[in-house]
Amino acid sequence: MAHLVARVGAGVSVGLQDAVGCVLAGPLVATAPVPPVDRAAMDGYAVCGVGPWRVVGEVGVASPSVRGLVDGEAYGITTGAAVPAGATGVVREEDVLRDGEWVRGSVVVGRHIRRAGEECRAGEVVLPTGVVVDGPVVGLAASLGLSRLVVVPRPVVDVLVTGDELVQRGSSGVGRVRDAIGPMMPELVTRAGAELGVVQQLADSRAALREAIAGSSAQVVFVSGSSAAGPADHLRPVLNELAAELLVDGVACRPGHPQALARLQDDRLVIGLPGNPFAALTAFLTLGVAAITGRRGLPLARLPIAPIPGGIDCHPHSTRLVPVRVTDQGAVPVGHAGSAMLRGAAAADALAVVDPGPAQAIAARLLPLDPGARPWAG
């Protein structure tokens, strides 16, 4: 699946904070050694020889260079300060006795000194291409002296929600259905690593749908409620009119089988989601996450396997996606798993991916409900 949707553009240079959530477009290389000089790892005294030592000065992080130490001398020193030449080691503040200008204690050669280049050397690759930029990556880049990173930009995603019956306020009733997909999609999109463009509600109109897809500048366009074959389902005819390449025309899964994936002539992707909320969620977590992940230049994660106490009934021909809680005993179904229901998904940790078969599954792969979550260890 990933190879069908992976189209990674050229990297762009952005500021460190703007890089968060993006993917490194090239390796992160140290331009200088870190640390650049030997530094104290503790508050205490940089000493020369076995002691006792006479304190000849103080060295702080911002202090200018000081003369080197000779046998029997010490500098008071703070964490991160440059260690003077000639230092045998650093003795912690709490490990010395001080009497006036003299200190006594025990020193271990090289102890409590961070050596120049200990973290990395100049020219060393510290992170490979393809790493997702997060807080520690930004901090590392800053420690290397960098202010910008070259990254693969996050793909922009538009969401088109179709349905004459959908309403944005109040409860469902005769002839009206409260829209659950539109409010659900923004968080899913951003958690999957994309940038949300617009969320737009459309009437069940072929012309309106074509205009919205053709006019979108997003790399990925989701269309919900128009992916089946009913009289109000216009997605496939519109894709045909736009000369799109239909890559996926339905998926053998329950719920969510009437989903679609197409590539437009300008390389944008269009993903059709079923109109029922849980079915739309399962389609997003499968086709949608795969599309966004591919556009970010990342591989799909391998799903862990968990036991299912008591088993789950298999479907004879399709993969079942069942909301489960992850416990010490394994994955436990939570119920309320109908295609129109979100109660089960809201109470679950993951979807159990139950392969088709004639009987029950006693184990299943786990698909996280949070698109940004790291999978459990298998």
Protein backbone atom coordinates (compact mmCIF):
# COMPACT_ATOMS: atom_id res chain seq x y z
CA MET A 1 0.00 0.00 0.00
CA ALA A 2 2.67 2.53 0.96
CA HIS A 3 4.34 2.34 -2.46
CA LEU A 4 1.06 3.31 -4.14
CA VAL A 5 0.76 6.62 -2.31
CA ALA A 6 4.38 7.64 -1.60
CA ARG A 7 5.20 10.82 -3.49
CA VAL A 8 7.71 12.79 -1.45
CA GLY A 9 8.60 16.28 -2.59
CA ALA A 10 11.87 18.12 -2.18
CA GLY A 11 12.91 19.17 1.30
CA VAL A 12 12.44 22.74 2.46
CA SER A 13 14.42 24.71 5.02
CA VAL A 14 12.33 25.86 8.00
CA GLY A 15 12.95 27.24 11.47
CA LEU A 16 13.31 24.75 14.30
CA GLN A 17 9.83 25.26 15.76
CA ASP A 18 8.20 25.07 12.34
CA ALA A 19 9.96 21.74 11.78
CA VAL A 20 8.11 19.96 14.60
CA GLY A 21 5.99 17.16 13.17
CA CYS A 22 7.85 17.17 9.87
CA VAL A 23 10.30 14.53 8.67
CA LEU A 24 14.01 15.10 8.12
CA ALA A 25 14.65 15.29 4.38
CA GLY A 26 18.34 14.55 4.87
CA PRO A 27 20.64 13.38 7.65
CA LEU A 28 21.33 15.68 10.58
CA VAL A 29 25.09 16.28 10.59
CA ALA A 30 27.12 17.86 13.38
CA THR A 31 28.96 20.94 12.15
CA ALA A 32 31.20 21.03 15.22
CA PRO A 33 32.07 18.72 18.12
CA VAL A 34 29.65 18.59 21.04
CA PRO A 35 30.73 19.61 23.55
CA PRO A 36 33.28 21.85 21.83
CA VAL A 37 35.65 21.70 24.83
CA ASP A 38 36.02 19.59 27.95
CA ARG A 39 33.23 20.64 30.33
CA ALA A 40 32.46 19.99 33.98
CA ALA A 41 29.62 17.52 34.49
CA MET A 42 29.11 18.55 38.14
CA ASP A 43 29.38 21.55 40.41
CA GLY A 44 32.55 21.23 42.47
CA TYR A 45 36.30 21.68 41.97
CA ALA A 46 38.55 21.04 39.00
CA VAL A 47 41.73 19.78 40.62
CA CYS A 48 45.26 18.85 39.60
CA GLY A 49 47.06 16.03 41.38
CA VAL A 50 46.00 14.03 44.43
CA GLY A 51 45.46 16.92 46.83
CA PRO A 52 45.01 18.66 49.09
CA TRP A 53 44.47 21.57 46.69
CA ARG A 54 44.64 25.31 47.02
CA VAL A 55 41.73 27.10 45.37
CA VAL A 56 43.15 29.67 42.95
CA GLY A 57 39.91 30.93 41.40
CA GLU A 58 36.39 30.22 40.20
CA VAL A 59 35.24 29.13 36.75
CA GLY A 60 31.66 29.57 35.54
CA VAL A 61 29.98 28.70 32.27
CA ALA A 62 30.40 32.24 31.00
CA SER A 63 33.93 32.74 32.38
CA PRO A 64 36.76 33.63 29.98
CA SER A 65 39.64 31.21 29.57
CA VAL A 66 41.78 30.78 32.65
CA ARG A 67 45.37 29.61 33.02
CA GLY A 68 45.99 25.91 33.39
CA LEU A 69 46.30 24.15 36.72
CA VAL A 70 49.48 22.84 38.23
CA ASP A 71 49.85 20.12 40.85
CA GLY A 72 48.11 21.00 44.11
CA GLU A 73 45.80 23.65 42.62
CA ALA A 74 42.03 23.76 42.12
CA TYR A 75 39.38 25.96 40.59
CA GLY A 76 35.84 26.09 41.90
CA ILE A 77 33.75 25.12 38.88
CA THR A 78 30.07 24.98 37.87
CA THR A 79 28.34 22.43 35.71
CA GLY A 80 28.96 23.13 32.03
CA ALA A 81 32.02 25.33 32.56
CA ALA A 82 35.15 24.68 30.50
CA VAL A 83 37.60 22.53 32.45
CA PRO A 84 41.00 24.23 32.78
CA ALA A 85 44.01 22.58 31.18
CA GLY A 86 45.93 20.28 33.51
CA ALA A 87 42.87 19.15 35.48
CA THR A 88 43.06 15.59 36.79
CA GLY A 89 39.29 15.46 37.33
CA VAL A 90 36.35 17.23 38.92
CA VAL A 91 35.47 16.52 42.55
CA ARG A 92 31.84 17.14 43.47
CA GLU A 93 31.03 19.93 45.91
CA GLU A 94 29.57 17.44 48.39
CA ASP A 95 32.67 15.22 48.28
CA VAL A 96 35.22 17.77 49.54
CA LEU A 97 36.09 19.44 52.83
CA ARG A 98 37.04 23.09 52.51
CA ASP A 99 39.14 25.00 54.96
CA GLY A 100 39.69 28.53 53.81
CA GLU A 101 41.49 28.42 50.47
CA TRP A 102 42.20 24.69 50.76
CA VAL A 103 40.04 21.72 49.81
CA ARG A 104 40.55 18.04 50.52
CA GLY A 105 38.93 14.99 48.96
CA SER A 106 39.46 12.06 46.64
CA VAL A 107 39.78 12.46 42.86
CA VAL A 108 39.35 9.87 40.11
CA VAL A 109 41.25 10.62 36.91
CA GLY A 110 38.83 12.03 34.30
CA ARG A 111 35.79 11.77 36.61
CA HIS A 112 32.90 14.21 36.09
CA ILE A 113 34.36 15.66 32.90
CA ARG A 114 32.43 15.66 29.63
CA ARG A 115 35.13 15.36 27.02
CA ALA A 116 35.14 17.47 23.84
CA GLY A 117 33.30 15.55 21.10
CA GLU A 118 31.86 13.07 23.61
CA GLU A 119 28.32 13.43 22.19
CA CYS A 120 29.38 13.79 18.56
CA ARG A 121 32.30 14.77 16.37
CA ALA A 122 32.31 17.38 13.62
CA GLY A 123 30.93 15.82 10.44
CA GLU A 124 29.25 12.93 12.27
CA VAL A 125 25.72 11.92 11.23
CA VAL A 126 23.71 12.15 14.44
CA LEU A 127 20.27 11.36 12.97
CA PRO A 128 19.40 9.70 9.66
CA THR A 129 16.99 10.85 6.99
CA GLY A 130 13.36 10.05 7.80
CA VAL A 131 13.31 10.87 11.51
CA VAL A 132 10.17 12.69 12.68
CA VAL A 133 11.11 16.00 14.27
CA ASP A 134 9.93 16.30 17.87
CA GLY A 135 11.08 18.21 20.95
CA PRO A 136 14.30 16.24 21.57
CA VAL A 137 15.25 16.52 17.88
CA VAL A 138 14.76 20.29 18.00
CA GLY A 139 16.83 20.47 21.17
CA LEU A 140 19.58 18.37 19.60
CA ALA A 141 19.64 20.59 16.50
CA ALA A 142 19.91 23.67 18.69
CA SER A 143 22.78 22.11 20.65
CA LEU A 144 24.55 21.60 17.34
CA GLY A 145 24.26 25.30 16.66
CA LEU A 146 21.55 24.99 14.02
CA SER A 147 18.62 27.38 13.60
CA ARG A 148 16.94 25.63 10.65
CA LEU A 149 16.28 22.11 9.43
CA VAL A 150 15.62 20.71 5.96
CA VAL A 151 12.41 18.70 6.18
CA VAL A 152 9.68 17.09 4.12
CA PRO A 153 6.70 19.43 4.65
CA ARG A 154 3.60 17.96 6.22
CA PRO A 155 1.01 17.17 3.53
CA VAL A 156 -2.05 19.42 3.48
CA VAL A 157 -5.36 17.57 3.76
CA ASP A 158 -8.86 18.78 2.86
CA VAL A 159 -12.02 17.06 4.09
CA LEU A 160 -15.27 17.13 2.09
CA VAL A 161 -18.33 15.83 3.98
CA THR A 162 -21.29 15.08 1.71
CA GLY A 163 -24.94 14.54 2.61
CA ASP A 164 -28.16 16.52 2.27
CA GLU A 165 -29.33 15.01 5.55
CA LEU A 166 -26.39 16.20 7.64
CA VAL A 167 -26.81 18.94 10.23
CA GLN A 168 -24.16 20.66 12.34
CA ARG A 169 -26.29 21.50 15.37
CA GLY A 170 -28.84 19.69 17.49
CA SER A 171 -29.76 16.02 17.54
CA SER A 172 -30.54 13.56 14.80
CA GLY A 173 -34.18 13.06 13.90
CA VAL A 174 -36.46 12.27 11.00
CA GLY A 175 -34.76 13.44 7.83
CA ARG A 176 -31.74 14.81 9.69
CA VAL A 177 -28.50 13.24 10.87
CA ARG A 178 -26.03 15.00 13.12
CA ASP A 179 -22.65 15.04 11.36
CA ALA A 180 -20.05 13.10 13.36
CA ILE A 181 -17.42 12.68 10.64
CA GLY A 182 -16.68 16.38 10.10
CA PRO A 183 -15.94 17.07 13.79
CA MET A 184 -13.92 13.84 14.05
CA MET A 185 -11.60 14.37 11.10
CA PRO A 186 -9.46 17.41 12.05
CA GLU A 187 -7.88 15.74 15.07
CA LEU A 188 -7.35 12.51 13.15
CA VAL A 189 -5.67 14.37 10.31
CA THR A 190 -3.30 16.33 12.52
CA ARG A 191 -2.49 13.33 14.73
CA ALA A 192 -1.56 11.42 11.57
CA GLY A 193 1.07 14.07 10.82
CA ALA A 194 -0.72 16.16 8.18
CA GLU A 195 -1.74 19.80 8.09
CA LEU A 196 -5.48 20.39 7.99
CA GLY A 197 -6.69 22.56 5.13
CA VAL A 198 -10.49 22.95 5.02
CA VAL A 199 -13.41 20.91 6.29
CA GLN A 200 -16.34 21.60 3.96
CA GLN A 201 -19.87 20.24 3.94
CA LEU A 202 -21.36 19.59 0.51
CA ALA A 203 -24.84 18.76 -0.68
CA ASP A 204 -25.35 15.47 -2.54
CA SER A 205 -24.44 17.10 -5.83
CA ARG A 206 -22.17 15.66 -8.49
CA ALA A 207 -21.28 19.12 -9.79
CA ALA A 208 -20.51 20.46 -6.31
CA LEU A 209 -18.30 17.50 -5.52
CA ARG A 210 -16.39 17.80 -8.78
CA GLU A 211 -15.86 21.52 -8.26
CA ALA A 212 -14.63 21.00 -4.70
CA ILE A 213 -12.15 18.26 -5.64
CA ALA A 214 -10.88 20.07 -8.72
CA GLY A 215 -10.49 23.32 -6.77
CA SER A 216 -8.66 21.85 -3.81
CA SER A 217 -4.95 22.60 -3.50
CA ALA A 218 -4.42 19.92 -0.84
CA GLN A 219 -2.20 16.93 -1.50
CA VAL A 220 -4.83 14.57 -0.04
CA VAL A 221 -8.60 15.07 -0.23
CA PHE A 222 -10.97 12.98 1.88
CA VAL A 223 -14.57 12.64 0.71
CA SER A 224 -17.05 11.07 3.13
CA GLY A 225 -20.53 9.78 2.39
CA SER A 226 -20.18 9.41 -1.36
CA SER A 227 -18.06 6.32 -1.82
CA ALA A 228 -20.72 3.60 -2.22
CA ALA A 229 -22.88 2.88 -5.29
CA GLY A 230 -26.21 4.50 -4.36
CA PRO A 231 -27.98 7.28 -6.27
CA ALA A 232 -26.45 9.95 -4.01
CA ASP A 233 -22.91 8.52 -4.22
CA HIS A 234 -21.13 10.63 -6.80
CA LEU A 235 -17.46 10.06 -6.01
CA ARG A 236 -16.63 7.40 -8.58
CA PRO A 237 -18.37 9.19 -11.49
CA VAL A 238 -16.56 12.41 -10.52
CA LEU A 239 -13.21 10.59 -10.36
CA ASN A 240 -13.90 9.21 -13.83
CA GLU A 241 -14.67 12.70 -15.13
CA LEU A 242 -11.41 13.97 -13.65
CA ALA A 243 -9.46 11.11 -15.34
CA ALA A 244 -8.28 9.87 -11.97
CA GLU A 245 -6.50 6.54 -11.58
CA LEU A 246 -8.55 4.37 -9.23
CA LEU A 247 -5.99 2.54 -7.09
CA VAL A 248 -8.35 0.97 -4.55
CA ASP A 249 -12.00 0.27 -5.35
CA GLY A 250 -13.39 -1.20 -2.14
CA VAL A 251 -11.65 -3.11 0.62
CA ALA A 252 -12.59 -6.52 2.00
CA CYS A 253 -13.09 -5.33 5.57
CA ARG A 254 -16.02 -4.93 7.97
CA PRO A 255 -16.91 -2.18 8.57
CA GLY A 256 -15.62 0.20 5.91
CA HIS A 257 -15.61 -1.87 2.73
CA PRO A 258 -17.03 0.83 0.35
CA GLN A 259 -13.87 2.95 0.45
CA ALA A 260 -11.75 4.17 -2.43
CA LEU A 261 -8.32 5.58 -3.20
CA ALA A 262 -7.56 7.45 -6.43
CA ARG A 263 -4.72 9.49 -7.84
CA LEU A 264 -5.52 12.60 -9.88
CA GLN A 265 -3.48 13.59 -12.90
CA ASP A 266 -1.63 16.24 -10.86
CA ASP A 267 -0.64 13.49 -8.35
CA ARG A 268 -3.08 14.55 -5.63
CA LEU A 269 -4.81 11.73 -3.80
CA VAL A 270 -8.56 11.41 -3.25
CA ILE A 271 -9.80 9.01 -0.57
CA GLY A 272 -13.44 8.00 -0.33
CA LEU A 273 -14.73 7.29 3.17
CA PRO A 274 -18.03 5.56 3.91
CA GLY A 275 -20.80 7.75 5.32
CA ASN A 276 -21.26 5.79 8.55
CA PRO A 277 -18.99 7.22 11.27
CA PHE A 278 -17.24 4.04 12.48
CA ALA A 279 -16.82 2.81 8.91
CA ALA A 280 -15.31 6.19 8.01
CA LEU A 281 -12.94 5.92 10.96
CA THR A 282 -11.74 2.47 9.94
CA ALA A 283 -11.19 3.66 6.37
CA PHE A 284 -9.19 6.64 7.62
CA LEU A 285 -7.02 4.47 9.85
CA THR A 286 -6.22 2.15 6.94
CA LEU A 287 -6.22 3.98 3.59
CA GLY A 288 -6.01 7.47 5.08
CA VAL A 289 -3.08 6.92 7.39
CA ALA A 290 -1.26 5.00 4.66
CA ALA A 291 -1.69 7.92 2.25
CA ILE A 292 -0.53 10.55 4.74
CA THR A 293 2.37 8.39 5.92
CA GLY A 294 3.52 7.83 2.34
CA ARG A 295 3.37 11.54 1.56
CA ARG A 296 5.52 12.20 4.61
CA GLY A 297 8.16 9.78 3.31
CA LEU A 298 7.72 7.32 6.17
CA PRO A 299 7.16 3.55 6.20
CA LEU A 300 4.06 2.07 7.75
CA ALA A 301 4.55 0.70 11.25
CA ARG A 302 4.42 -3.03 11.83
CA LEU A 303 1.37 -3.86 13.92
CA PRO A 304 1.90 -5.84 17.14
CA ILE A 305 -0.06 -9.00 17.89
CA ALA A 306 -2.06 -9.55 21.07
CA PRO A 307 -3.99 -12.56 22.42
CA ILE A 308 -7.78 -12.31 22.57
CA PRO A 309 -9.18 -13.96 25.71
CA GLY A 310 -12.27 -15.89 24.68
CA GLY A 311 -11.61 -15.25 20.98
CA ILE A 312 -13.42 -13.12 18.38
CA ASP A 313 -15.63 -14.53 15.64
CA CYS A 314 -14.06 -14.29 12.20
CA HIS A 315 -15.88 -13.16 9.06
CA PRO A 316 -15.75 -15.81 6.36
CA HIS A 317 -14.47 -13.50 3.62
CA SER A 318 -13.51 -10.09 5.08
CA THR A 319 -11.18 -8.72 7.72
CA ARG A 320 -13.03 -7.53 10.81
CA LEU A 321 -11.98 -4.37 12.65
CA VAL A 322 -13.15 -4.68 16.24
CA PRO A 323 -12.73 -2.05 19.00
CA VAL A 324 -10.77 -3.51 21.93
CA ARG A 325 -9.24 -2.47 25.22
CA VAL A 326 -5.64 -3.55 25.74
CA THR A 327 -5.22 -5.28 29.11
CA ASP A 328 -2.58 -7.40 30.80
CA GLN A 329 -4.48 -10.46 29.56
CA GLY A 330 -4.72 -9.27 25.97
CA ALA A 331 -7.21 -7.45 23.74
CA VAL A 332 -10.79 -7.42 25.04
CA PRO A 333 -13.68 -6.35 22.76
CA VAL A 334 -15.72 -3.44 24.12
CA GLY A 335 -18.82 -3.93 21.96
CA HIS A 336 -20.84 -1.26 20.12
CA ALA A 337 -18.95 -1.98 16.90
CA GLY A 338 -21.65 -1.31 14.30
CA SER A 339 -20.65 0.75 11.28
CA ALA A 340 -22.74 3.73 12.44
CA MET A 341 -21.54 3.58 16.07
CA LEU A 342 -18.63 5.46 17.61
CA ARG A 343 -19.30 4.40 21.20
CA GLY A 344 -17.06 1.33 20.94
CA ALA A 345 -14.21 3.22 19.28
CA ALA A 346 -14.41 6.02 21.85
CA ALA A 347 -13.99 3.49 24.68
CA ALA A 348 -11.27 1.45 22.97
CA ASP A 349 -7.48 1.61 22.75
CA ALA A 350 -7.16 -0.07 19.37
CA LEU A 351 -8.87 -2.00 16.63
CA ALA A 352 -8.27 -5.73 16.56
CA VAL A 353 -7.52 -6.68 12.95
CA VAL A 354 -9.24 -10.08 12.74
CA ASP A 355 -8.32 -12.01 9.62
CA PRO A 356 -11.09 -13.85 7.76
CA GLY A 357 -11.62 -17.49 8.58
CA PRO A 358 -14.10 -20.21 9.41
CA ALA A 359 -13.98 -19.98 13.21
CA GLN A 360 -12.66 -17.69 15.95
CA ALA A 361 -9.43 -15.77 16.20
CA ILE A 362 -7.51 -16.20 19.45
CA ALA A 363 -4.99 -13.47 18.54
CA ALA A 364 -5.02 -10.42 16.29
CA ARG A 365 -2.92 -7.52 15.15
CA LEU A 366 -3.63 -4.22 16.91
CA LEU A 367 -4.25 -1.06 14.91
CA PRO A 368 -3.96 1.99 17.21
CA LEU A 369 -6.97 4.29 17.20
CA ASP A 370 -4.62 7.22 17.70
CA PRO A 371 -2.95 7.78 14.30
CA GLY A 372 0.01 9.41 16.00
CA ALA A 373 0.59 6.71 18.59
CA ARG A 374 3.59 4.43 18.50
CA PRO A 375 2.48 0.79 18.32
CA TRP A 376 2.82 -1.39 21.38
CA ALA A 377 5.88 -3.62 21.50
CA GLY A 378 5.10 -6.93 19.82
